[in-house]
Amino acid sequence: MVFVGVVVTWFTSYLAGSTQFVKSSASSSMPSAVLYGVPQGSVLGPVLFLLYTADVLQLVKSHQLQPHAYADDTKIYGFCKPPNVDTLQERVSVCIDEVTSWMMANRLQLNPAKTEVLWCSSARRQHQIPTGLVRDGNTDNVAVIRCP
């Protein structure tokens, strides 16, 4: 999507020249320029965030996984037949690695403490759920939850 003319001028005036400071009781810090982001609590904030992060949804889809985004929360869904669980586990790991890289390149941060993988199966197939961990940025620190 390309913005031109009046739209660019309007967005520029909306986002440029913002400052922020911290106030506690009677004292406050010196104002500093806000170089990135959208003013918190702004009406356009959610729309601009969705425009900013729309690429991550396409990135997830490129791994044959399905994303679901709501505000700053993204869920990634995948499914497979029992013989293909290792392949799905690897696709999810690679996808999380690429989402992490995309986020770092776009000044966002994935929170590993809030990153979880939920494996579900029928009770009869419970033994086929992977026991290995899912990578998160080349480490195995994603919480893995299993359910029947």
Protein backbone atom coordinates (compact mmCIF):
# COMPACT_ATOMS: atom_id res chain seq x y z
CA MET A 1 0.00 0.00 0.00
CA VAL A 2 1.44 3.37 -1.02
CA PHE A 3 0.35 6.65 0.53
CA VAL A 4 0.83 9.90 -1.41
CA GLY A 5 -0.01 13.57 -1.32
CA VAL A 6 -2.39 14.83 1.34
CA VAL A 7 -2.45 11.46 3.11
CA VAL A 8 1.33 11.52 3.64
CA THR A 9 1.17 15.12 4.85
CA TRP A 10 -1.62 14.30 7.27
CA PHE A 11 0.17 11.24 8.71
CA THR A 12 3.44 13.14 8.95
CA SER A 13 1.84 16.00 10.88
CA TYR A 14 0.10 13.49 13.16
CA LEU A 15 3.24 11.49 13.95
CA ALA A 16 6.04 14.07 13.78
CA GLY A 17 7.22 16.33 16.55
CA SER A 18 5.87 14.27 19.47
CA THR A 19 7.67 14.34 22.81
CA GLN A 20 7.35 12.31 25.98
CA PHE A 21 8.35 12.74 29.61
CA VAL A 22 7.89 11.01 32.94
CA LYS A 23 6.13 12.78 35.80
CA SER A 24 6.17 11.63 39.40
CA SER A 25 4.55 13.75 42.10
CA ALA A 26 5.95 17.25 41.69
CA SER A 27 8.96 16.44 39.53
CA SER A 28 9.23 15.44 35.90
CA SER A 29 11.93 14.46 33.45
CA MET A 30 13.05 16.55 30.51
CA PRO A 31 10.92 15.98 27.39
CA SER A 32 12.53 13.79 24.75
CA ALA A 33 11.57 13.32 21.13
CA VAL A 34 9.47 10.27 20.19
CA LEU A 35 11.22 8.93 17.12
CA TYR A 36 9.16 5.75 16.60
CA GLY A 37 5.65 4.55 17.25
CA VAL A 38 2.21 6.03 17.60
CA PRO A 39 0.92 8.19 20.45
CA GLN A 40 -0.51 5.89 23.11
CA GLY A 41 -4.27 6.14 23.46
CA SER A 42 -4.68 7.77 20.06
CA VAL A 43 -7.72 6.99 17.93
CA LEU A 44 -5.51 5.99 15.00
CA GLY A 45 -3.20 3.85 17.15
CA PRO A 46 -4.91 0.50 16.56
CA VAL A 47 -5.32 1.11 12.81
CA LEU A 48 -1.72 2.20 12.37
CA PHE A 49 -0.51 -0.77 14.43
CA LEU A 50 -2.46 -3.16 12.20
CA LEU A 51 -1.06 -1.53 9.07
CA TYR A 52 2.43 -1.70 10.57
CA THR A 53 2.15 -5.39 11.49
CA ALA A 54 0.17 -6.67 8.49
CA ASP A 55 3.35 -8.14 6.99
CA VAL A 56 3.74 -10.54 9.90
CA LEU A 57 0.42 -12.16 9.00
CA GLN A 58 1.68 -12.83 5.48
CA LEU A 59 4.90 -14.19 6.94
CA VAL A 60 2.96 -16.71 9.03
CA LYS A 61 0.87 -17.74 6.02
CA SER A 62 4.05 -18.34 4.01
CA HIS A 63 4.73 -21.26 6.39
CA GLN A 64 1.32 -22.81 5.63
CA LEU A 65 0.12 -21.76 9.09
CA GLN A 66 -2.89 -19.60 9.93
CA PRO A 67 -2.54 -16.36 11.93
CA HIS A 68 -5.20 -14.68 14.04
CA ALA A 69 -4.43 -11.16 15.22
CA TYR A 70 -6.23 -9.07 17.81
CA ALA A 71 -4.61 -5.81 18.91
CA ASP A 72 -1.02 -6.75 19.82
CA ASP A 73 -1.76 -10.46 20.29
CA THR A 74 -1.12 -12.90 17.45
CA LYS A 75 -2.01 -16.57 17.51
CA ILE A 76 -0.62 -19.01 14.98
CA TYR A 77 -2.57 -22.15 14.13
CA GLY A 78 -1.45 -25.27 12.36
CA PHE A 79 -2.73 -28.79 12.03
CA CYS A 80 -1.52 -32.05 10.60
CA LYS A 81 -2.08 -35.77 10.45
CA PRO A 82 -0.30 -37.80 13.14
CA PRO A 83 2.60 -38.95 10.93
CA ASN A 84 3.45 -35.30 10.14
CA VAL A 85 3.81 -33.86 13.66
CA ASP A 86 7.59 -33.50 13.35
CA THR A 87 7.19 -31.52 10.14
CA LEU A 88 4.59 -29.26 11.76
CA GLN A 89 6.81 -28.78 14.80
CA GLU A 90 9.69 -27.70 12.54
CA ARG A 91 7.43 -25.33 10.53
CA VAL A 92 6.21 -23.70 13.74
CA SER A 93 9.79 -23.33 15.01
CA VAL A 94 11.01 -21.78 11.76
CA CYS A 95 7.95 -19.51 11.66
CA ILE A 96 8.57 -18.28 15.23
CA ASP A 97 12.24 -17.65 14.36
CA GLU A 98 11.25 -15.60 11.30
CA VAL A 99 8.55 -13.68 13.20
CA THR A 100 11.15 -12.88 15.88
CA SER A 101 13.58 -11.61 13.22
CA TRP A 102 10.84 -9.58 11.52
CA MET A 103 9.86 -8.02 14.84
CA MET A 104 13.46 -7.08 15.71
CA ALA A 105 13.90 -5.53 12.26
CA ASN A 106 10.71 -3.50 12.85
CA ARG A 107 11.55 -2.34 16.38
CA LEU A 108 9.16 -4.75 18.09
CA GLN A 109 9.92 -7.47 20.60
CA LEU A 110 8.51 -10.95 20.99
CA ASN A 111 7.95 -11.79 24.64
CA PRO A 112 9.19 -15.38 25.17
CA ALA A 113 7.45 -15.50 28.56
CA LYS A 114 4.11 -15.11 26.75
CA THR A 115 4.94 -17.41 23.84
CA GLU A 116 3.33 -20.83 24.11
CA VAL A 117 2.67 -23.80 21.89
CA LEU A 118 -0.44 -25.85 22.56
CA TRP A 119 -0.54 -29.36 21.10
CA CYS A 120 -3.99 -30.94 21.01
CA SER A 121 -5.04 -34.42 20.00
CA SER A 122 -7.64 -37.00 20.76
CA ALA A 123 -7.02 -39.06 23.88
CA ARG A 124 -6.32 -42.04 21.63
CA ARG A 125 -3.51 -40.20 19.80
CA GLN A 126 -2.00 -38.49 22.88
CA HIS A 127 1.16 -40.60 22.56
CA GLN A 128 1.83 -39.05 19.12
CA ILE A 129 2.17 -35.49 20.37
CA PRO A 130 5.79 -34.30 20.06
CA THR A 131 7.82 -34.33 23.25
CA GLY A 132 10.54 -32.00 21.95
CA LEU A 133 10.59 -28.27 22.49
CA VAL A 134 9.72 -25.60 19.94
CA ARG A 135 12.49 -23.11 19.17
CA ASP A 136 12.12 -19.42 19.84
CA GLY A 137 14.96 -17.40 18.37
CA ASN A 138 17.34 -20.40 18.31
CA THR A 139 16.60 -21.29 21.93
CA ASP A 140 14.19 -23.85 23.32
CA ASN A 141 12.32 -21.52 25.67
CA VAL A 142 8.77 -21.71 24.37
CA ALA A 143 6.31 -23.18 26.83
CA VAL A 144 4.81 -26.36 25.41
CA ILE A 145 1.39 -27.42 26.66
CA ARG A 146 -0.24 -30.73 25.80
CA CYS A 147 -3.93 -31.45 26.01
CA PRO A 148 -6.05 -34.46 25.10
